[in-house]
N, C-alpha and C. Protein backbone atom coordinates (compact mmCIF):
# COMPACT_ATOMS: atom_id res chain seq x y z
N MET A 1 -11.37 8.49 12.72
CA MET A 1 -10.50 7.88 13.66
C MET A 1 -9.99 6.63 12.87
N THR A 2 -8.67 6.36 13.14
CA THR A 2 -8.04 5.29 12.47
C THR A 2 -8.38 3.88 13.03
N GLU A 3 -8.72 3.04 12.25
CA GLU A 3 -8.96 1.62 12.66
C GLU A 3 -7.58 0.96 12.29
N TRP A 4 -7.01 0.35 13.28
CA TRP A 4 -5.71 -0.24 13.13
C TRP A 4 -5.52 -1.55 12.49
N ARG A 5 -6.74 -2.34 12.67
CA ARG A 5 -6.69 -3.62 12.08
C ARG A 5 -6.53 -3.54 10.49
N PRO A 6 -7.29 -2.72 9.79
CA PRO A 6 -7.20 -2.65 8.30
C PRO A 6 -5.68 -2.09 8.00
N VAL A 7 -5.11 -1.26 8.83
CA VAL A 7 -3.77 -0.79 8.52
C VAL A 7 -2.80 -1.92 8.65
N LEU A 8 -3.03 -2.61 9.78
CA LEU A 8 -2.01 -3.82 10.01
C LEU A 8 -2.20 -4.90 8.96
N GLY A 9 -3.37 -5.19 8.47
CA GLY A 9 -3.71 -6.08 7.36
C GLY A 9 -2.84 -5.52 6.11
N GLY A 10 -3.05 -4.24 5.85
CA GLY A 10 -2.38 -3.75 4.68
C GLY A 10 -0.82 -3.87 4.75
N VAL A 11 -0.28 -3.49 5.98
CA VAL A 11 1.23 -3.64 6.16
C VAL A 11 1.60 -5.07 5.97
N CYS A 12 0.85 -5.96 6.52
CA CYS A 12 1.22 -7.44 6.36
C CYS A 12 1.20 -7.79 4.87
N LEU A 13 0.17 -7.29 4.09
CA LEU A 13 0.18 -7.66 2.62
C LEU A 13 1.40 -6.94 1.97
N ALA A 14 1.56 -5.70 2.44
CA ALA A 14 2.71 -5.04 1.75
C ALA A 14 4.13 -5.64 2.08
N ALA A 15 4.29 -6.20 3.23
CA ALA A 15 5.49 -6.85 3.64
C ALA A 15 5.72 -8.14 2.80
N SER A 16 4.61 -8.96 2.65
CA SER A 16 4.69 -10.10 1.89
C SER A 16 4.96 -9.96 0.46
N THR A 17 4.19 -8.97 -0.21
CA THR A 17 4.32 -8.60 -1.59
C THR A 17 5.70 -8.09 -1.88
N GLU A 18 6.20 -7.20 -1.02
CA GLU A 18 7.52 -6.64 -1.16
C GLU A 18 8.73 -7.70 -1.08
N ALA A 19 8.41 -8.63 -0.10
CA ALA A 19 9.49 -9.72 0.00
C ALA A 19 9.46 -10.50 -1.24
N LEU A 20 8.34 -10.85 -1.78
CA LEU A 20 8.26 -11.56 -3.03
C LEU A 20 8.97 -10.82 -4.17
N VAL A 21 8.64 -9.60 -4.28
CA VAL A 21 9.25 -8.75 -5.31
C VAL A 21 10.82 -8.70 -5.21
N TYR A 22 11.24 -8.47 -3.95
CA TYR A 22 12.63 -8.43 -3.73
C TYR A 22 13.36 -9.74 -3.96
N ALA A 23 12.64 -10.84 -3.66
CA ALA A 23 13.32 -12.17 -4.01
C ALA A 23 13.38 -12.39 -5.44
N MET A 24 12.38 -11.90 -6.21
CA MET A 24 12.33 -12.04 -7.69
C MET A 24 13.30 -11.19 -8.39
N THR A 25 13.38 -9.80 -8.00
CA THR A 25 14.08 -8.79 -8.75
C THR A 25 15.45 -8.36 -8.06
N GLY A 26 15.50 -8.58 -6.63
CA GLY A 26 16.57 -8.04 -6.01
C GLY A 26 16.56 -6.55 -5.60
N GLN A 27 15.43 -5.91 -5.75
CA GLN A 27 15.37 -4.54 -5.43
C GLN A 27 13.91 -4.16 -4.92
N PHE A 28 13.80 -3.09 -4.12
CA PHE A 28 12.50 -2.77 -3.51
C PHE A 28 11.73 -1.82 -4.47
N THR A 29 10.42 -1.95 -4.54
CA THR A 29 9.62 -1.20 -5.35
C THR A 29 8.37 -0.61 -4.45
N LEU A 30 7.49 0.10 -5.14
CA LEU A 30 6.41 0.65 -4.39
C LEU A 30 5.17 -0.19 -4.48
N VAL A 31 5.33 -1.38 -5.08
CA VAL A 31 4.18 -2.30 -5.33
C VAL A 31 3.61 -2.80 -4.03
N GLY A 32 4.46 -3.13 -3.17
CA GLY A 32 3.91 -3.77 -1.83
C GLY A 32 3.16 -2.71 -1.11
N GLY A 33 3.62 -1.43 -0.97
CA GLY A 33 2.83 -0.47 -0.27
C GLY A 33 1.55 -0.05 -0.97
N ILE A 34 1.52 -0.06 -2.25
CA ILE A 34 0.29 0.29 -2.98
C ILE A 34 -0.80 -0.86 -2.74
N THR A 35 -0.35 -2.17 -3.02
CA THR A 35 -1.37 -3.21 -2.70
C THR A 35 -1.77 -3.25 -1.25
N GLY A 36 -0.91 -2.93 -0.28
CA GLY A 36 -1.25 -2.91 1.19
C GLY A 36 -2.21 -1.85 1.34
N SER A 37 -2.22 -0.68 0.88
CA SER A 37 -2.99 0.45 0.93
C SER A 37 -4.34 0.21 0.26
N ALA A 38 -4.34 -0.57 -0.79
CA ALA A 38 -5.65 -0.81 -1.40
C ALA A 38 -6.42 -1.87 -0.52
N LEU A 39 -5.63 -2.74 0.03
CA LEU A 39 -6.39 -3.73 0.89
C LEU A 39 -6.86 -2.97 2.25
N ALA A 40 -6.16 -2.09 2.75
CA ALA A 40 -6.58 -1.40 4.03
C ALA A 40 -7.88 -0.53 3.57
N GLY A 41 -7.79 0.10 2.44
CA GLY A 41 -9.05 0.93 1.98
C GLY A 41 -10.18 0.00 1.78
N TYR A 42 -10.00 -1.28 1.19
CA TYR A 42 -11.11 -2.13 1.00
C TYR A 42 -11.66 -2.65 2.40
N VAL A 43 -10.78 -3.00 3.29
CA VAL A 43 -11.28 -3.61 4.61
C VAL A 43 -11.98 -2.51 5.40
N VAL A 44 -11.62 -1.24 5.38
CA VAL A 44 -12.12 -0.18 6.24
C VAL A 44 -13.63 0.15 5.91
N GLY A 45 -13.91 0.03 4.66
CA GLY A 45 -15.47 0.27 4.31
C GLY A 45 -15.56 0.94 2.94
N CYS A 46 -16.84 1.51 2.67
CA CYS A 46 -17.14 1.96 1.37
C CYS A 46 -16.89 3.49 1.07
N ASP A 47 -16.45 4.17 2.11
CA ASP A 47 -16.17 5.63 2.04
C ASP A 47 -14.78 5.88 1.41
N PRO A 48 -14.73 6.44 0.21
CA PRO A 48 -13.41 6.70 -0.28
C PRO A 48 -12.45 7.54 0.63
N ALA A 49 -13.08 8.49 1.36
CA ALA A 49 -12.21 9.31 2.20
C ALA A 49 -11.54 8.52 3.33
N ASP A 50 -12.40 7.47 3.84
CA ASP A 50 -11.83 6.62 4.91
C ASP A 50 -10.75 5.78 4.23
N GLY A 51 -11.02 5.23 3.04
CA GLY A 51 -10.13 4.38 2.32
C GLY A 51 -8.85 5.08 2.09
N ALA A 52 -8.85 6.37 1.63
CA ALA A 52 -7.73 7.14 1.31
C ALA A 52 -6.88 7.26 2.67
N TRP A 53 -7.60 7.73 3.73
CA TRP A 53 -6.84 7.85 5.09
C TRP A 53 -6.14 6.58 5.41
N HIS A 54 -6.90 5.54 5.45
CA HIS A 54 -6.28 4.25 5.97
C HIS A 54 -5.19 3.70 4.99
N GLY A 55 -5.41 3.99 3.75
CA GLY A 55 -4.36 3.63 2.67
C GLY A 55 -3.05 4.51 2.94
N MET A 56 -3.25 5.69 3.28
CA MET A 56 -2.10 6.62 3.68
C MET A 56 -1.37 6.10 4.98
N MET A 57 -2.32 5.70 5.84
CA MET A 57 -1.60 5.18 7.21
C MET A 57 -0.95 3.97 6.90
N ALA A 58 -1.46 3.03 6.05
CA ALA A 58 -0.79 1.74 5.82
C ALA A 58 0.62 2.03 5.05
N GLY A 59 0.54 3.02 4.20
CA GLY A 59 1.70 3.49 3.48
C GLY A 59 2.76 4.15 4.45
N VAL A 60 2.35 4.87 5.34
CA VAL A 60 3.33 5.51 6.27
C VAL A 60 3.97 4.47 7.20
N VAL A 61 3.13 3.57 7.71
CA VAL A 61 3.72 2.48 8.61
C VAL A 61 4.58 1.62 7.74
N TRP A 62 4.25 1.23 6.53
CA TRP A 62 5.09 0.36 5.75
C TRP A 62 6.32 1.13 5.32
N GLY A 63 6.20 2.43 5.08
CA GLY A 63 7.31 3.21 4.66
C GLY A 63 8.35 3.38 5.74
N SER A 64 7.83 3.46 6.95
CA SER A 64 8.76 3.53 8.15
C SER A 64 9.56 2.34 8.40
N ILE A 65 9.06 1.12 7.89
CA ILE A 65 9.85 -0.10 7.92
C ILE A 65 10.76 -0.07 6.63
N LEU A 66 10.07 0.08 5.55
CA LEU A 66 10.85 -0.13 4.33
C LEU A 66 12.02 0.81 4.03
N MET A 67 11.86 2.07 4.26
CA MET A 67 12.90 2.92 3.92
C MET A 67 14.29 2.75 4.65
N PRO A 68 14.24 2.51 6.00
CA PRO A 68 15.52 2.18 6.56
C PRO A 68 16.17 0.90 6.15
N VAL A 69 15.33 -0.10 5.97
CA VAL A 69 15.79 -1.43 5.41
C VAL A 69 16.36 -1.27 3.94
N SER A 70 15.53 -0.46 3.22
CA SER A 70 16.07 -0.20 1.89
C SER A 70 17.46 0.47 1.74
N ILE A 71 17.50 1.58 2.67
CA ILE A 71 18.83 2.28 2.61
C ILE A 71 19.95 1.51 3.19
N LEU A 72 19.60 0.63 4.14
CA LEU A 72 20.74 -0.17 4.75
C LEU A 72 21.20 -1.20 3.69
N LEU A 73 20.25 -1.82 3.06
CA LEU A 73 20.65 -2.83 1.98
C LEU A 73 21.32 -2.16 0.89
N THR A 74 20.94 -0.99 0.52
CA THR A 74 21.58 -0.21 -0.55
C THR A 74 23.06 -0.07 -0.27
N PHE A 75 23.43 0.21 0.97
CA PHE A 75 24.77 0.47 1.35
C PHE A 75 25.53 -0.84 1.50
N LEU A 76 24.88 -1.87 2.12
CA LEU A 76 25.59 -3.13 2.32
C LEU A 76 25.72 -3.86 1.15
N ASN A 77 24.82 -4.02 0.25
CA ASN A 77 24.84 -4.82 -0.99
C ASN A 77 25.14 -4.10 -2.19
N GLU A 78 25.19 -2.77 -2.10
CA GLU A 78 25.44 -1.91 -3.38
C GLU A 78 24.30 -2.25 -4.36
N THR A 79 23.13 -2.37 -3.84
CA THR A 79 22.08 -2.51 -4.75
C THR A 79 21.41 -1.13 -5.05
N PRO A 80 20.58 -1.07 -6.11
CA PRO A 80 19.96 0.27 -6.41
C PRO A 80 18.96 0.64 -5.36
N ILE A 81 18.84 1.91 -5.12
CA ILE A 81 17.74 2.41 -4.11
C ILE A 81 16.48 2.08 -4.65
N LEU A 82 15.48 2.37 -3.88
CA LEU A 82 14.06 2.03 -4.26
C LEU A 82 13.72 2.48 -5.74
N PHE A 83 13.01 1.51 -6.27
CA PHE A 83 12.94 1.48 -7.80
C PHE A 83 12.82 2.79 -8.56
N PRO A 84 11.63 3.57 -8.40
CA PRO A 84 11.66 4.73 -9.30
C PRO A 84 12.67 5.83 -9.09
N PHE A 85 13.23 5.83 -7.82
CA PHE A 85 14.11 6.98 -7.47
C PHE A 85 15.48 6.80 -8.18
N GLN A 86 15.88 5.58 -8.55
CA GLN A 86 17.29 5.58 -9.16
C GLN A 86 17.19 6.24 -10.50
N TYR A 87 16.00 6.44 -11.10
CA TYR A 87 15.91 7.17 -12.38
C TYR A 87 15.54 8.69 -12.12
N ILE A 88 15.02 8.95 -11.11
CA ILE A 88 14.46 10.32 -10.88
C ILE A 88 15.64 11.23 -10.24
N ILE A 89 16.49 10.70 -9.42
CA ILE A 89 17.47 11.42 -8.58
C ILE A 89 18.46 12.29 -9.51
N PRO A 90 18.88 11.83 -10.66
CA PRO A 90 19.80 12.62 -11.54
C PRO A 90 19.19 13.79 -11.97
N PHE A 91 17.75 13.98 -12.11
CA PHE A 91 17.15 15.14 -12.60
C PHE A 91 16.88 16.22 -11.50
N LEU A 92 17.03 15.77 -10.17
CA LEU A 92 16.80 16.71 -9.05
C LEU A 92 18.16 17.45 -8.63
N GLU A 93 18.02 18.71 -8.39
CA GLU A 93 19.24 19.46 -8.20
C GLU A 93 19.33 19.87 -6.70
N THR A 94 18.27 20.03 -5.89
CA THR A 94 18.46 20.44 -4.52
C THR A 94 17.87 19.36 -3.61
N PRO A 95 18.27 19.35 -2.32
CA PRO A 95 17.80 18.42 -1.32
C PRO A 95 16.18 18.60 -1.16
N GLY A 96 15.71 19.90 -1.25
CA GLY A 96 14.24 20.16 -1.24
C GLY A 96 13.49 19.48 -2.32
N GLU A 97 13.95 19.54 -3.48
CA GLU A 97 13.36 18.86 -4.72
C GLU A 97 13.33 17.37 -4.46
N LEU A 98 14.35 16.75 -3.90
CA LEU A 98 14.50 15.25 -3.64
C LEU A 98 13.51 14.88 -2.51
N THR A 99 13.45 15.68 -1.47
CA THR A 99 12.40 15.50 -0.35
C THR A 99 11.08 15.58 -0.83
N THR A 100 10.66 16.60 -1.60
CA THR A 100 9.38 16.71 -2.20
C THR A 100 9.08 15.45 -3.02
N ALA A 101 9.91 15.08 -3.88
CA ALA A 101 9.70 13.96 -4.88
C ALA A 101 9.44 12.70 -4.04
N ILE A 102 10.18 12.49 -2.97
CA ILE A 102 10.16 11.19 -2.25
C ILE A 102 8.82 11.23 -1.44
N MET A 103 8.40 12.40 -0.83
CA MET A 103 7.15 12.48 -0.09
C MET A 103 5.98 12.32 -0.98
N LEU A 104 5.94 12.89 -2.16
CA LEU A 104 4.84 12.83 -3.10
C LEU A 104 4.62 11.37 -3.64
N ALA A 105 5.89 10.85 -3.93
CA ALA A 105 5.91 9.49 -4.61
C ALA A 105 5.45 8.35 -3.56
N LEU A 106 5.72 8.71 -2.30
CA LEU A 106 5.37 7.68 -1.35
C LEU A 106 3.93 7.87 -0.80
N ALA A 107 3.48 9.00 -0.78
CA ALA A 107 2.17 9.29 -0.18
C ALA A 107 1.05 9.16 -1.18
N LEU A 108 1.06 9.81 -2.28
CA LEU A 108 0.00 9.94 -3.31
C LEU A 108 -0.49 8.69 -3.79
N PRO A 109 0.41 7.70 -4.19
CA PRO A 109 -0.08 6.45 -4.66
C PRO A 109 -0.87 5.61 -3.65
N ASN A 110 -0.44 5.73 -2.35
CA ASN A 110 -1.06 5.06 -1.22
C ASN A 110 -2.47 5.63 -0.98
N VAL A 111 -2.49 6.87 -1.05
CA VAL A 111 -3.91 7.57 -0.85
C VAL A 111 -4.73 7.22 -2.00
N ILE A 112 -4.35 7.23 -3.21
CA ILE A 112 -5.21 6.86 -4.34
C ILE A 112 -5.54 5.44 -4.31
N SER A 113 -4.60 4.40 -4.05
CA SER A 113 -5.08 3.08 -4.01
C SER A 113 -5.95 2.72 -2.89
N GLY A 114 -5.85 3.42 -1.70
CA GLY A 114 -6.69 3.22 -0.59
C GLY A 114 -8.14 3.63 -0.84
N SER A 115 -8.22 4.76 -1.61
CA SER A 115 -9.55 5.29 -2.06
C SER A 115 -10.15 4.39 -3.08
N LEU A 116 -9.31 3.86 -4.00
CA LEU A 116 -9.83 2.91 -4.95
C LEU A 116 -10.25 1.52 -4.38
N GLY A 117 -9.58 1.22 -3.21
CA GLY A 117 -9.89 -0.06 -2.55
C GLY A 117 -11.29 0.07 -1.90
N SER A 118 -11.66 1.23 -1.40
CA SER A 118 -12.96 1.58 -0.81
C SER A 118 -13.98 1.61 -1.89
N LEU A 119 -13.69 2.20 -3.03
CA LEU A 119 -14.55 2.21 -4.20
C LEU A 119 -14.92 0.75 -4.72
N ALA A 120 -13.83 -0.09 -4.68
CA ALA A 120 -14.07 -1.33 -5.15
C ALA A 120 -15.07 -2.15 -4.25
N ARG A 121 -14.95 -1.86 -2.83
CA ARG A 121 -15.75 -2.57 -2.00
C ARG A 121 -17.23 -2.05 -2.20
N ARG A 122 -17.34 -0.75 -2.40
CA ARG A 122 -18.73 -0.25 -2.74
C ARG A 122 -19.27 -0.79 -4.01
N ASP A 123 -18.48 -0.91 -5.00
CA ASP A 123 -18.94 -1.57 -6.30
C ASP A 123 -19.22 -3.05 -6.15
N ALA A 124 -18.67 -3.70 -5.16
CA ALA A 124 -18.82 -5.20 -4.91
C ALA A 124 -20.12 -5.43 -4.12
N GLN A 125 -20.83 -4.56 -3.65
CA GLN A 125 -22.01 -4.71 -2.79
C GLN A 125 -23.02 -5.44 -3.65
N GLY A 126 -23.55 -6.51 -3.10
CA GLY A 126 -24.62 -7.37 -3.83
C GLY A 126 -23.99 -8.38 -4.75
N THR A 127 -22.65 -8.57 -5.00
CA THR A 127 -22.07 -9.52 -5.70
C THR A 127 -21.41 -10.57 -4.82
N TRP A 128 -20.88 -11.57 -5.42
CA TRP A 128 -20.26 -12.70 -4.66
C TRP A 128 -19.08 -12.19 -3.93
N PHE A 129 -18.65 -10.97 -4.29
CA PHE A 129 -17.30 -10.53 -3.66
C PHE A 129 -17.56 -9.59 -2.46
N ASP A 130 -18.88 -9.44 -2.22
CA ASP A 130 -19.25 -8.64 -1.12
C ASP A 130 -19.13 -9.27 0.19
N PRO A 131 -18.38 -8.74 1.16
CA PRO A 131 -18.22 -9.35 2.41
C PRO A 131 -19.56 -9.56 3.22
N ALA A 132 -20.52 -8.85 3.02
CA ALA A 132 -21.83 -8.96 3.66
C ALA A 132 -22.61 -10.26 3.20
N MET A 133 -22.11 -10.73 2.05
CA MET A 133 -22.74 -11.92 1.50
C MET A 133 -22.43 -13.17 2.30
N ALA A 134 -21.28 -13.11 2.95
CA ALA A 134 -20.84 -14.28 3.76
C ALA A 134 -21.68 -14.40 5.02
N GLU A 135 -22.61 -13.51 5.25
CA GLU A 135 -23.37 -13.58 6.48
C GLU A 135 -24.78 -14.13 6.21
N VAL A 136 -24.96 -14.54 4.95
CA VAL A 136 -26.27 -15.11 4.57
C VAL A 136 -26.52 -16.50 5.22
N GLU A 137 -27.75 -16.69 5.76
CA GLU A 137 -28.04 -18.01 6.34
C GLU A 137 -28.23 -19.07 5.51
N ALA A 138 -27.88 -20.31 5.87
CA ALA A 138 -27.96 -21.43 4.97
C ALA A 138 -29.44 -21.58 4.49
N VAL A 139 -29.53 -22.18 3.27
CA VAL A 139 -30.79 -22.31 2.66
C VAL A 139 -31.33 -23.68 3.01
N ASP A 140 -32.57 -23.69 3.38
CA ASP A 140 -33.32 -25.06 3.82
C ASP A 140 -33.54 -25.76 2.59
N ASP A 141 -33.38 -27.13 2.64
CA ASP A 141 -33.69 -27.96 1.55
C ASP A 141 -35.28 -28.15 1.50
N ALA A 142 -35.92 -28.04 0.39
CA ALA A 142 -37.31 -28.28 0.26
C ALA A 142 -37.75 -29.73 0.33
């Protein structure tokens, strides 16, 4: 079952990252969605399958916001479309190839980064980066 707080956290990170990248470069990339998916995977827990699912959900929610805005800005400002696709589109011949390329490019990196986020959390157990370490009681002075 989907936990929406990690997904929302991932979407917020994706929005902030993508706004920063757009302000610096003037075009949209996949960086925001990938970082947001990694955060969603990290927050949800240590299971890579849960991380992959929540990473994909963060990517889908963020993509539902990003794609219409990206297309609108492309037409209004005559800026290039989403970063990797401006180089891929000339090699595609049919609408089916374009749809497949877009779906794979938008889904697979988010699934992988969400899974890696969960693995990073599992690897962080017992270190200073472990969220459970924040629950340690204060040490009494002797």
